[in-house]
């Protein structure tokens, strides 16, 4: 049987002393998330956080919902920090061959083995590679 919560979520709950099914009011949630109550209301309105609809006007949160929101916001920030805002350039086969000094056949063989970055289909008859992935592969060699 699958576990209902990820190990990361369980560790976070234990370290913070939060029960997964502990209920929080919006005011308590704002204190827990360290933000204004109005920010919690905005999250609820745009469904940026999971919640329980107790009555037509009252919402509450389980501990795991708040922890999930925290984890997602942290993971979102780290992936934003890792990825630059610029769009990754796609390079064609000829450029890949020039950068790597490999033949088309060798690139194809390495790609099939999983030892070279995967190609990106551009149209039904053309392909390319992400420049950043090819550069990382070159550095790794």
Protein backbone atom coordinates (compact mmCIF):
# COMPACT_ATOMS: atom_id res chain seq x y z
CA UNK A 1 0.00 0.00 0.00
CA UNK A 2 1.35 3.43 -0.95
CA UNK A 3 2.21 5.89 1.78
CA UNK A 4 -0.14 8.90 1.86
CA UNK A 5 2.69 11.39 2.46
CA UNK A 6 6.20 11.70 1.11
CA UNK A 7 9.12 11.12 3.47
CA UNK A 8 10.18 14.75 3.01
CA UNK A 9 6.77 15.96 4.12
CA UNK A 10 6.81 13.65 7.15
CA UNK A 11 10.29 14.82 8.16
CA UNK A 12 9.23 18.45 7.84
CA UNK A 13 6.10 17.85 9.92
CA UNK A 14 8.11 16.09 12.63
CA UNK A 15 10.75 18.80 12.74
CA UNK A 16 8.10 21.52 13.05
CA UNK A 17 5.93 19.62 15.53
CA UNK A 18 2.88 19.68 13.25
CA UNK A 19 0.35 16.87 12.95
CA UNK A 20 -0.64 16.14 9.36
CA UNK A 21 -4.37 16.31 10.15
CA UNK A 22 -4.18 19.20 12.62
CA UNK A 23 -6.69 21.87 11.57
CA UNK A 24 -5.79 25.55 11.17
CA UNK A 25 -8.00 28.60 10.79
CA UNK A 26 -6.93 31.24 8.25
CA UNK A 27 -5.47 33.34 11.08
CA UNK A 28 -3.46 30.37 12.39
CA UNK A 29 -2.39 29.52 8.84
CA UNK A 30 -1.14 33.08 8.31
CA UNK A 31 0.90 32.83 11.51
CA UNK A 32 2.28 29.45 10.45
CA UNK A 33 3.14 30.67 6.92
CA UNK A 34 4.41 33.99 8.29
CA UNK A 35 2.29 36.10 6.01
CA UNK A 36 -0.69 38.41 6.31
CA UNK A 37 -4.19 36.97 6.61
CA UNK A 38 -5.08 38.83 3.41
CA UNK A 39 -2.34 36.86 1.59
CA UNK A 40 -3.86 33.58 2.80
CA UNK A 41 -7.27 34.78 1.59
CA UNK A 42 -5.76 35.57 -1.83
CA UNK A 43 -4.20 32.08 -1.99
CA UNK A 44 -7.57 30.52 -1.19
CA UNK A 45 -9.41 32.61 -3.80
CA UNK A 46 -7.01 31.73 -6.61
CA UNK A 47 -6.61 28.10 -5.37
CA UNK A 48 -2.89 28.59 -4.69
CA UNK A 49 -3.22 26.42 -1.59
CA UNK A 50 -5.35 23.41 -0.73
CA UNK A 51 -8.07 24.02 1.86
CA UNK A 52 -11.22 22.58 3.41
CA UNK A 53 -14.53 24.36 2.79
CA UNK A 54 -16.19 24.09 6.24
CA UNK A 55 -19.16 26.35 5.43
CA UNK A 56 -19.94 28.55 2.47
CA UNK A 57 -17.83 31.34 3.99
CA UNK A 58 -15.42 29.50 6.29
CA UNK A 59 -12.29 27.63 5.23
CA UNK A 60 -9.74 25.71 7.26
CA UNK A 61 -6.48 23.97 6.47
CA UNK A 62 -4.96 20.66 7.45
CA UNK A 63 -1.33 20.67 8.53
CA UNK A 64 -0.25 18.68 5.48
CA UNK A 65 -1.86 21.27 3.17
CA UNK A 66 0.18 24.07 4.73
CA UNK A 67 3.35 21.98 4.63
CA UNK A 68 2.73 21.09 0.97
CA UNK A 69 2.36 24.78 0.19
CA UNK A 70 5.63 25.53 1.98
CA UNK A 71 7.49 22.76 0.17
CA UNK A 72 6.11 23.78 -3.23
CA UNK A 73 7.04 27.41 -2.70
CA UNK A 74 10.56 26.45 -1.57
CA UNK A 75 11.04 24.06 -4.48
CA UNK A 76 9.64 26.64 -6.88
CA UNK A 77 12.15 29.23 -5.66
CA UNK A 78 15.10 26.86 -5.98
CA UNK A 79 14.18 25.86 -9.54
CA UNK A 80 13.74 29.53 -10.46
CA UNK A 81 17.16 30.26 -8.99
CA UNK A 82 18.72 27.39 -10.94
CA UNK A 83 17.14 28.26 -14.29
CA UNK A 84 17.96 31.60 -15.88
CA UNK A 85 15.12 33.67 -17.28
CA UNK A 86 16.61 33.54 -20.76
CA UNK A 87 15.23 30.93 -23.14
CA UNK A 88 17.67 28.11 -23.81
CA UNK A 89 19.02 28.23 -27.34
CA UNK A 90 18.38 25.25 -29.60
CA UNK A 91 21.31 24.29 -31.82
CA UNK A 92 21.23 22.13 -34.91
CA UNK A 93 23.23 19.01 -35.74
CA UNK A 94 26.05 20.85 -37.52
CA UNK A 95 26.68 23.11 -34.51
CA UNK A 96 26.63 20.12 -32.15
CA UNK A 97 29.19 18.36 -34.32
CA UNK A 98 31.42 21.46 -34.32
CA UNK A 99 31.14 21.93 -30.54
CA UNK A 100 31.78 18.28 -29.67
CA UNK A 101 34.06 17.27 -32.56
CA UNK A 102 31.91 14.15 -32.94
CA UNK A 103 30.30 12.73 -36.06
CA UNK A 104 26.53 12.50 -36.47
CA UNK A 105 26.70 8.74 -36.07
CA UNK A 106 28.72 8.94 -32.83
CA UNK A 107 26.29 11.51 -31.41
CA UNK A 108 23.38 9.24 -32.37
CA UNK A 109 25.02 6.20 -30.73
CA UNK A 110 25.84 8.09 -27.52
CA UNK A 111 22.30 9.47 -27.40
CA UNK A 112 20.82 5.98 -27.77
CA UNK A 113 22.97 4.76 -24.84
CA UNK A 114 21.80 7.71 -22.73
CA UNK A 115 25.31 9.15 -22.64
CA UNK A 116 24.50 12.32 -24.59
CA UNK A 117 21.72 14.91 -24.16
CA UNK A 118 18.43 14.00 -25.78
CA UNK A 119 17.43 15.68 -29.01
CA UNK A 120 14.52 18.10 -29.18
CA UNK A 121 12.04 17.61 -32.05
CA UNK A 122 11.44 20.97 -33.76
CA UNK A 123 9.21 19.91 -36.66
CA UNK A 124 8.32 16.59 -38.21
CA UNK A 125 11.63 16.57 -40.10
CA UNK A 126 14.06 18.60 -37.98
CA UNK A 127 15.72 18.22 -34.62
CA UNK A 128 18.02 20.17 -32.36
CA UNK A 129 19.71 20.08 -28.97
CA UNK A 130 19.60 22.47 -26.04
CA UNK A 131 22.87 24.41 -26.01
CA UNK A 132 23.11 24.39 -22.21
CA UNK A 133 22.79 20.58 -22.09
CA UNK A 134 25.46 20.11 -24.75
CA UNK A 135 27.77 22.54 -22.91
CA UNK A 136 27.20 20.65 -19.63
CA UNK A 137 27.99 17.38 -21.40
CA UNK A 138 31.23 18.89 -22.76
CA UNK A 139 32.23 20.08 -19.27
CA UNK A 140 31.49 16.63 -17.84
CA UNK A 141 33.80 15.01 -20.38
